[in-house]
């Protein structure tokens, strides 16, 4: 899966992409540095703003609800924890 370092080039799909969590407008394909100092390109993508990882940029797009056939894929609910009173 090594693409020669092209994972940071903008694509047409990226021009209409927005992170669901932080709203940042760019993502990149995740690469891992191996112990022998070579890079391995994974099948994961990550938001360039908050570094949330995902498999498919089209289904993680925050611009509009994504449909799979007739079923709509719901956005995940974000839960924030309340601090305890002292």
PDB file of N, CA and C in Angstrom:
ATOM      1  N   UNK A   1       0.796  -1.202   0.000  1.00  0.00           N
ATOM      2  CA  UNK A   1       0.000   0.000   0.000  1.00  0.00           C
ATOM      3  C   UNK A   1       0.836   1.263   0.000  1.00  0.00           C
ATOM      4  N   UNK A   2       2.118   1.182  -0.174  1.00  0.00           N
ATOM      5  CA  UNK A   2       2.959   2.362  -0.162  1.00  0.00           C
ATOM      6  C   UNK A   2       2.722   3.158  -1.437  1.00  0.00           C
ATOM      7  N   UNK A   3       2.331   4.426  -1.284  1.00  0.00           N
ATOM      8  CA  UNK A   3       1.997   5.246  -2.441  1.00  0.00           C
ATOM      9  C   UNK A   3       3.050   6.297  -2.747  1.00  0.00           C
ATOM     10  N   UNK A   4       4.218   6.189  -2.135  1.00  0.00           N
ATOM     11  CA  UNK A   4       5.295   7.108  -2.440  1.00  0.00           C
ATOM     12  C   UNK A   4       5.143   8.496  -1.838  1.00  0.00           C
ATOM     13  N   UNK A   5       4.368   8.630  -0.767  1.00  0.00           N
ATOM     14  CA  UNK A   5       4.254   9.912  -0.093  1.00  0.00           C
ATOM     15  C   UNK A   5       3.173  10.824  -0.628  1.00  0.00           C
ATOM     16  N   UNK A   6       2.242  10.343  -1.424  1.00  0.00           N
ATOM     17  CA  UNK A   6       1.180  11.179  -1.982  1.00  0.00           C
ATOM     18  C   UNK A   6      -0.022  11.312  -1.057  1.00  0.00           C
ATOM     19  N   UNK A   7       0.058  10.834   0.189  1.00  0.00           N
ATOM     20  CA  UNK A   7      -1.107  10.849   1.063  1.00  0.00           C
ATOM     21  C   UNK A   7      -1.476  12.249   1.527  1.00  0.00           C
ATOM     22  N   UNK A   8      -0.627  13.258   1.308  1.00  0.00           N
ATOM     23  CA  UNK A   8      -0.930  14.611   1.744  1.00  0.00           C
ATOM     24  C   UNK A   8      -1.415  15.502   0.609  1.00  0.00           C
ATOM     25  N   UNK A   9      -1.543  14.970  -0.595  1.00  0.00           N
ATOM     26  CA  UNK A   9      -2.041  15.763  -1.708  1.00  0.00           C
ATOM     27  C   UNK A   9      -3.547  15.917  -1.601  1.00  0.00           C
ATOM     28  N   UNK A  10      -4.088  17.116  -1.778  1.00  0.00           N
ATOM     29  CA  UNK A  10      -5.540  17.300  -1.685  1.00  0.00           C
ATOM     30  C   UNK A  10      -6.258  16.609  -2.841  1.00  0.00           C
ATOM     31  N   UNK A  11      -7.421  16.083  -2.558  1.00  0.00           N
ATOM     32  CA  UNK A  11      -8.223  15.435  -3.589  1.00  0.00           C
ATOM     33  C   UNK A  11      -9.533  16.197  -3.750  1.00  0.00           C
ATOM     34  N   UNK A  12     -10.274  15.852  -4.780  1.00  0.00           N
ATOM     35  CA  UNK A  12     -11.577  16.484  -5.010  1.00  0.00           C
ATOM     36  C   UNK A  12     -12.527  16.176  -3.859  1.00  0.00           C
ATOM     37  N   UNK A  13     -12.454  14.933  -3.330  1.00  0.00           N
ATOM     38  CA  UNK A  13     -13.327  14.557  -2.213  1.00  0.00           C
ATOM     39  C   UNK A  13     -12.982  15.357  -0.963  1.00  0.00           C
ATOM     40  N   UNK A  14     -11.698  15.649  -0.757  1.00  0.00           N
ATOM     41  CA  UNK A  14     -11.284  16.383   0.433  1.00  0.00           C
ATOM     42  C   UNK A  14     -11.797  17.815   0.408  1.00  0.00           C
ATOM     43  N   UNK A  15     -12.038  18.381  -0.767  1.00  0.00           N
ATOM     44  CA  UNK A  15     -12.529  19.745  -0.872  1.00  0.00           C
ATOM     45  C   UNK A  15     -13.928  19.882  -0.268  1.00  0.00           C
ATOM     46  N   UNK A  16     -14.656  18.784  -0.126  1.00  0.00           N
ATOM     47  CA  UNK A  16     -16.004  18.812   0.439  1.00  0.00           C
ATOM     48  C   UNK A  16     -16.080  17.981   1.701  1.00  0.00           C
ATOM     49  N   UNK A  17     -15.001  17.881   2.441  1.00  0.00           N
ATOM     50  CA  UNK A  17     -14.956  17.054   3.651  1.00  0.00           C
ATOM     51  C   UNK A  17     -14.800  17.940   4.877  1.00  0.00           C
ATOM     52  N   UNK A  18     -15.447  17.545   5.974  1.00  0.00           N
ATOM     53  CA  UNK A  18     -15.326  18.247   7.251  1.00  0.00           C
ATOM     54  C   UNK A  18     -15.394  17.215   8.365  1.00  0.00           C
ATOM     55  N   UNK A  19     -14.522  17.320   9.357  1.00  0.00           N
ATOM     56  CA  UNK A  19     -14.508  16.386  10.484  1.00  0.00           C
ATOM     57  C   UNK A  19     -15.794  16.516  11.285  1.00  0.00           C
ATOM     58  N   UNK A  20     -16.378  15.384  11.639  1.00  0.00           N
ATOM     59  CA  UNK A  20     -17.604  15.382  12.446  1.00  0.00           C
ATOM     60  C   UNK A  20     -17.382  15.935  13.842  1.00  0.00           C
ATOM     61  N   UNK A  21     -16.174  15.743  14.379  1.00  0.00           N
ATOM     62  CA  UNK A  21     -15.932  16.111  15.768  1.00  0.00           C
ATOM     63  C   UNK A  21     -15.428  17.535  15.948  1.00  0.00           C
ATOM     64  N   UNK A  22     -14.432  17.939  15.151  1.00  0.00           N
ATOM     65  CA  UNK A  22     -13.833  19.264  15.375  1.00  0.00           C
ATOM     66  C   UNK A  22     -14.120  20.264  14.264  1.00  0.00           C
ATOM     67  N   UNK A  23     -14.636  19.806  13.106  1.00  0.00           N
ATOM     68  CA  UNK A  23     -14.968  20.712  12.017  1.00  0.00           C
ATOM     69  C   UNK A  23     -13.809  21.059  11.098  1.00  0.00           C
ATOM     70  N   UNK A  24     -12.621  20.473  11.336  1.00  0.00           N
ATOM     71  CA  UNK A  24     -11.462  20.752  10.485  1.00  0.00           C
ATOM     72  C   UNK A  24     -11.723  20.209   9.085  1.00  0.00           C
ATOM     73  N   UNK A  25     -11.155  20.837   8.060  1.00  0.00           N
ATOM     74  CA  UNK A  25     -11.496  20.509   6.673  1.00  0.00           C
ATOM     75  C   UNK A  25     -10.450  19.677   5.939  1.00  0.00           C
ATOM     76  N   UNK A  26      -9.501  19.057   6.645  1.00  0.00           N
ATOM     77  CA  UNK A  26      -8.495  18.238   5.969  1.00  0.00           C
ATOM     78  C   UNK A  26      -8.262  16.944   6.727  1.00  0.00           C
ATOM     79  N   UNK A  27      -7.930  15.900   5.972  1.00  0.00           N
ATOM     80  CA  UNK A  27      -7.557  14.616   6.563  1.00  0.00           C
ATOM     81  C   UNK A  27      -6.358  14.073   5.800  1.00  0.00           C
ATOM     82  N   UNK A  28      -5.723  13.049   6.358  1.00  0.00           N
ATOM     83  CA  UNK A  28      -4.569  12.427   5.704  1.00  0.00           C
ATOM     84  C   UNK A  28      -4.585  10.927   5.963  1.00  0.00           C
ATOM     85  N   UNK A  29      -3.897  10.189   5.121  1.00  0.00           N
ATOM     86  CA  UNK A  29      -3.785   8.749   5.319  1.00  0.00           C
ATOM     87  C   UNK A  29      -2.690   8.505   6.344  1.00  0.00           C
ATOM     88  N   UNK A  30      -2.946   7.591   7.266  1.00  0.00           N
ATOM     89  CA  UNK A  30      -2.030   7.339   8.372  1.00  0.00           C
ATOM     90  C   UNK A  30      -0.867   6.465   7.914  1.00  0.00           C
ATOM     91  N   UNK A  31       0.343   6.901   8.235  1.00  0.00           N
ATOM     92  CA  UNK A  31       1.539   6.103   7.976  1.00  0.00           C
ATOM     93  C   UNK A  31       2.213   5.782   9.297  1.00  0.00           C
ATOM     94  N   UNK A  32       2.865   4.627   9.349  1.00  0.00           N
ATOM     95  CA  UNK A  32       3.524   4.160  10.563  1.00  0.00           C
ATOM     96  C   UNK A  32       5.001   3.954  10.262  1.00  0.00           C
ATOM     97  N   UNK A  33       5.839   4.397  11.180  1.00  0.00           N
ATOM     98  CA  UNK A  33       7.272   4.199  11.033  1.00  0.00           C
ATOM     99  C   UNK A  33       7.652   2.853  11.647  1.00  0.00           C
ATOM    100  N   UNK A  34       8.196   1.970  10.841  1.00  0.00           N
ATOM    101  CA  UNK A  34       8.594   0.642  11.309  1.00  0.00           C
ATOM    102  C   UNK A  34       9.929   0.721  12.061  1.00  0.00           C
ATOM    103  N   UNK A  35      10.255  -0.328  12.828  1.00  0.00           N
ATOM    104  CA  UNK A  35      11.540  -0.336  13.542  1.00  0.00           C
ATOM    105  C   UNK A  35      12.753  -0.212  12.615  1.00  0.00           C
ATOM    106  N   UNK A  36      12.638  -0.669  11.373  1.00  0.00           N
ATOM    107  CA  UNK A  36      13.765  -0.562  10.434  1.00  0.00           C
ATOM    108  C   UNK A  36      13.781   0.789   9.717  1.00  0.00           C
ATOM    109  N   UNK A  37      12.993   1.764  10.218  1.00  0.00           N
ATOM    110  CA  UNK A  37      12.938   3.149   9.735  1.00  0.00           C
ATOM    111  C   UNK A  37      12.257   3.313   8.375  1.00  0.00           C
ATOM    112  N   UNK A  38      11.506   2.322   7.887  1.00  0.00           N
ATOM    113  CA  UNK A  38      10.731   2.479   6.667  1.00  0.00           C
ATOM    114  C   UNK A  38       9.295   2.817   7.040  1.00  0.00           C
ATOM    115  N   UNK A  39       8.604   3.493   6.159  1.00  0.00           N
ATOM    116  CA  UNK A  39       7.213   3.890   6.419  1.00  0.00           C
ATOM    117  C   UNK A  39       6.248   2.906   5.782  1.00  0.00           C
ATOM    118  N   UNK A  40       5.163   2.623   6.502  1.00  0.00           N
ATOM    119  CA  UNK A  40       4.098   1.757   6.029  1.00  0.00           C
ATOM    120  C   UNK A  40       2.818   2.572   5.980  1.00  0.00           C
ATOM    121  N   UNK A  41       2.162   2.620   4.832  1.00  0.00           N
ATOM    122  CA  UNK A  41       0.896   3.336   4.691  1.00  0.00           C
ATOM    123  C   UNK A  41      -0.237   2.391   5.065  1.00  0.00           C
ATOM    124  N   UNK A  42      -1.020   2.773   6.069  1.00  0.00           N
ATOM    125  CA  UNK A  42      -2.113   1.932   6.551  1.00  0.00           C
ATOM    126  C   UNK A  42      -3.388   2.214   5.759  1.00  0.00           C
ATOM    127  N   UNK A  43      -4.449   1.495   6.082  1.00  0.00           N
ATOM    128  CA  UNK A  43      -5.745   1.737   5.443  1.00  0.00           C
ATOM    129  C   UNK A  43      -6.570   2.747   6.240  1.00  0.00           C
ATOM    130  N   UNK A  44      -5.979   3.354   7.277  1.00  0.00           N
ATOM    131  CA  UNK A  44      -6.676   4.323   8.107  1.00  0.00           C
ATOM    132  C   UNK A  44      -6.426   5.740   7.619  1.00  0.00           C
ATOM    133  N   UNK A  45      -7.393   6.620   7.915  1.00  0.00           N
ATOM    134  CA  UNK A  45      -7.271   8.049   7.668  1.00  0.00           C
ATOM    135  C   UNK A  45      -7.392   8.741   9.019  1.00  0.00           C
ATOM    136  N   UNK A  46      -6.918   9.980   9.103  1.00  0.00           N
ATOM    137  CA  UNK A  46      -7.019  10.738  10.350  1.00  0.00           C
ATOM    138  C   UNK A  46      -7.317  12.196  10.030  1.00  0.00           C
ATOM    139  N   UNK A  47      -8.127  12.806  10.873  1.00  0.00           N
ATOM    140  CA  UNK A  47      -8.387  14.236  10.757  1.00  0.00           C
ATOM    141  C   UNK A  47      -7.081  14.961  11.052  1.00  0.00           C
ATOM    142  N   UNK A  48      -6.723  15.936  10.235  1.00  0.00           N
ATOM    143  CA  UNK A  48      -5.482  16.685  10.450  1.00  0.00           C
ATOM    144  C   UNK A  48      -5.616  17.695  11.590  1.00  0.00           C
ATOM    145  N   UNK A  49      -6.830  17.912  12.071  1.00  0.00           N
ATOM    146  CA  UNK A  49      -7.039  18.837  13.176  1.00  0.00           C
ATOM    147  C   UNK A  49      -7.011  18.153  14.528  1.00  0.00           C
ATOM    148  N   UNK A  50      -7.892  17.176  14.733  1.00  0.00           N
ATOM    149  CA  UNK A  50      -8.007  16.524  16.048  1.00  0.00           C
ATOM    150  C   UNK A  50      -7.403  15.120  16.078  1.00  0.00           C
ATOM    151  N   UNK A  51      -6.916  14.613  14.971  1.00  0.00           N
ATOM    152  CA  UNK A  51      -6.262  13.304  14.807  1.00  0.00           C
ATOM    153  C   UNK A  51      -7.184  12.109  15.065  1.00  0.00           C
ATOM    154  N   UNK A  52      -8.498  12.306  15.012  1.00  0.00           N
ATOM    155  CA  UNK A  52      -9.421  11.185  15.110  1.00  0.00           C
ATOM    156  C   UNK A  52      -9.207  10.278  13.907  1.00  0.00           C
ATOM    157  N   UNK A  53      -9.113   8.958  14.144  1.00  0.00           N
ATOM    158  CA  UNK A  53      -8.865   8.015  13.054  1.00  0.00           C
ATOM    159  C   UNK A  53     -10.172   7.385  12.581  1.00  0.00           C
ATOM    160  N   UNK A  54     -10.257   7.109  11.275  1.00  0.00           N
ATOM    161  CA  UNK A  54     -11.429   6.493  10.676  1.00  0.00           C
ATOM    162  C   UNK A  54     -10.999   5.723   9.445  1.00  0.00           C
ATOM    163  N   UNK A  55     -11.880   4.854   8.952  1.00  0.00           N
ATOM    164  CA  UNK A  55     -11.562   4.020   7.796  1.00  0.00           C
ATOM    165  C   UNK A  55     -12.022   4.604   6.476  1.00  0.00           C
ATOM    166  N   UNK A  56     -13.136   5.323   6.485  1.00  0.00           N
ATOM    167  CA  UNK A  56     -13.703   5.809   5.235  1.00  0.00           C
ATOM    168  C   UNK A  56     -14.042   7.292   5.346  1.00  0.00           C
ATOM    169  N   UNK A  57     -13.327   8.155   4.614  1.00  0.00           N
ATOM    170  CA  UNK A  57     -13.613   9.591   4.699  1.00  0.00           C
ATOM    171  C   UNK A  57     -15.035   9.960   4.269  1.00  0.00           C
ATOM    172  N   UNK A  58     -15.621   9.200   3.359  1.00  0.00           N
ATOM    173  CA  UNK A  58     -16.972   9.518   2.896  1.00  0.00           C
ATOM    174  C   UNK A  58     -18.004   9.315   3.999  1.00  0.00           C
ATOM    175  N   UNK A  59     -17.858   8.271   4.802  1.00  0.00           N
ATOM    176  CA  UNK A  59     -18.832   8.026   5.864  1.00  0.00           C
ATOM    177  C   UNK A  59     -18.545   8.839   7.117  1.00  0.00           C
ATOM    178  N   UNK A  60     -17.342   9.404   7.246  1.00  0.00           N
ATOM    179  CA  UNK A  60     -17.010  10.237   8.403  1.00  0.00           C
ATOM    180  C   UNK A  60     -17.139  11.720   8.083  1.00  0.00           C
ATOM    181  N   UNK A  61     -17.724  12.048   6.960  1.00  0.00           N
ATOM    182  CA  UNK A  61     -17.880  13.427   6.523  1.00  0.00           C
ATOM    183  C   UNK A  61     -18.948  14.127   7.354  1.00  0.00           C
ATOM    184  N   UNK A  62     -18.633  15.297   7.870  1.00  0.00           N
ATOM    185  CA  UNK A  62     -19.571  16.035   8.711  1.00  0.00           C
ATOM    186  C   UNK A  62     -20.426  17.038   7.973  1.00  0.00           C
ATOM    187  N   UNK A  63     -20.309  17.149   6.649  1.00  0.00           N
ATOM    188  CA  UNK A  63     -21.106  18.119   5.894  1.00  0.00           C
ATOM    189  C   UNK A  63     -22.561  17.720   5.764  1.00  0.00           C
ATOM    190  N   UNK A  64     -22.834  16.439   5.634  1.00  0.00           N
ATOM    191  CA  UNK A  64     -24.217  16.007   5.412  1.00  0.00           C
ATOM    192  C   UNK A  64     -24.378  14.577   5.919  1.00  0.00           C
ATOM    193  N   UNK A  65     -25.604  14.169   6.244  1.00  0.00           N
ATOM    194  CA  UNK A  65     -25.825  12.771   6.631  1.00  0.00           C
ATOM    195  C   UNK A  65     -25.499  11.845   5.466  1.00  0.00           C
ATOM    196  N   UNK A  66     -24.878  10.750   5.759  1.00  0.00           N
ATOM    197  CA  UNK A  66     -24.488   9.781   4.742  1.00  0.00           C
ATOM    198  C   UNK A  66     -25.504   8.648   4.755  1.00  0.00           C
ATOM    199  N   UNK A  67     -25.951   8.237   3.576  1.00  0.00           N
ATOM    200  CA  UNK A  67     -26.923   7.155   3.513  1.00  0.00           C
ATOM    201  C   UNK A  67     -26.272   5.908   2.931  1.00  0.00           C
ATOM    202  N   UNK A  68     -26.625   4.781   3.469  1.00  0.00           N
ATOM    203  CA  UNK A  68     -26.176   3.484   2.964  1.00  0.00           C
ATOM    204  C   UNK A  68     -27.430   2.743   2.509  1.00  0.00           C
ATOM    205  N   UNK A  69     -27.732   2.813   1.226  1.00  0.00           N
ATOM    206  CA  UNK A  69     -28.971   2.216   0.749  1.00  0.00           C
ATOM    207  C   UNK A  69     -30.126   3.043   1.263  1.00  0.00           C
ATOM    208  N   UNK A  70     -31.006   2.418   2.027  1.00  0.00           N
ATOM    209  CA  UNK A  70     -32.150   3.139   2.589  1.00  0.00           C
ATOM    210  C   UNK A  70     -31.922   3.571   4.028  1.00  0.00           C
ATOM    211  N   UNK A  71     -30.964   2.936   4.687  1.00  0.00           N
ATOM    212  CA  UNK A  71     -30.714   3.260   6.091  1.00  0.00           C
ATOM    213  C   UNK A  71     -29.746   4.436   6.190  1.00  0.00           C
ATOM    214  N   UNK A  72     -30.047   5.370   7.073  1.00  0.00           N
ATOM    215  CA  UNK A  72     -29.168   6.508   7.292  1.00  0.00           C
ATOM    216  C   UNK A  72     -28.191   6.177   8.406  1.00  0.00           C
ATOM    217  N   UNK A  73     -26.926   6.486   8.189  1.00  0.00           N
ATOM    218  CA  UNK A  73     -25.911   6.277   9.208  1.00  0.00           C
ATOM    219  C   UNK A  73     -25.963   7.470  10.143  1.00  0.00           C
ATOM    220  N   UNK A  74     -26.239   7.229  11.412  1.00  0.00           N
ATOM    221  CA  UNK A  74     -26.387   8.309  12.380  1.00  0.00           C
ATOM    222  C   UNK A  74     -25.031   8.793  12.864  1.00  0.00           C
ATOM    223  N   UNK A  75     -24.940  10.073  13.151  1.00  0.00           N
ATOM    224  CA  UNK A  75     -23.722  10.615  13.726  1.00  0.00           C
ATOM    225  C   UNK A  75     -23.601  10.115  15.155  1.00  0.00           C
ATOM    226  N   UNK A  76     -22.382   9.860  15.627  1.00  0.00           N
ATOM    227  CA  UNK A  76     -22.240   9.386  17.000  1.00  0.00           C
ATOM    228  C   UNK A  76     -22.599  10.484  17.993  1.00  0.00           C
ATOM    229  N   UNK A  77     -23.190  10.095  19.098  1.00  0.00           N
ATOM    230  CA  UNK A  77     -23.535  11.044  20.139  1.00  0.00           C
ATOM    231  C   UNK A  77     -22.287  11.350  20.949  1.00  0.00           C
ATOM    232  N   UNK A  78     -22.016  12.614  21.188  1.00  0.00           N
ATOM    233  CA  UNK A  78     -20.840  13.005  21.963  1.00  0.00           C
ATOM    234  C   UNK A  78     -21.287  13.250  23.392  1.00  0.00           C
ATOM    235  N   UNK A  79     -20.649  12.545  24.316  1.00  0.00           N
ATOM    236  CA  UNK A  79     -21.000  12.642  25.723  1.00  0.00           C
ATOM    237  C   UNK A  79     -19.853  13.320  26.457  1.00  0.00           C
ATOM    238  N   UNK A  80     -20.169  14.352  27.212  1.00  0.00           N
ATOM    239  CA  UNK A  80     -19.143  15.002  28.024  1.00  0.00           C
ATOM    240  C   UNK A  80     -19.408  14.669  29.486  1.00  0.00           C
ATOM    241  N   UNK A  81     -18.363  14.364  30.195  1.00  0.00           N
ATOM    242  CA  UNK A  81     -18.488  13.997  31.602  1.00  0.00           C
ATOM    243  C   UNK A  81     -18.499  15.251  32.462  1.00  0.00           C
ATOM    244  N   UNK A  82     -19.350  15.253  33.466  1.00  0.00           N
ATOM    245  CA  UNK A  82     -19.425  16.372  34.386  1.00  0.00           C
ATOM    246  C   UNK A  82     -18.401  16.160  35.496  1.00  0.00           C
ATOM    247  N   UNK A  83     -17.869  17.259  35.986  1.00  0.00           N
ATOM    248  CA  UNK A  83     -16.922  17.160  37.078  1.00  0.00           C
ATOM    249  C   UNK A  83     -17.666  16.946  38.380  1.00  0.00           C
ATOM    250  N   UNK A  84     -17.040  16.189  39.274  1.00  0.00           N
ATOM    251  CA  UNK A  84     -17.645  15.946  40.592  1.00  0.00           C
ATOM    252  C   UNK A  84     -17.519  17.204  41.461  1.00  0.00           C
ATOM    253  N   UNK A  85     -18.514  17.395  42.291  1.00  0.00           N
ATOM    254  CA  UNK A  85     -18.433  18.478  43.262  1.00  0.00           C
ATOM    255  C   UNK A  85     -17.544  18.037  44.404  1.00  0.00           C
ATOM    256  N   UNK A  86     -16.819  18.982  44.949  1.00  0.00           N
ATOM    257  CA  UNK A  86     -15.932  18.652  46.084  1.00  0.00           C
ATOM    258  C   UNK A  86     -16.469  19.188  47.361  1.00  0.00           C
TER     259      UNK A  86
END
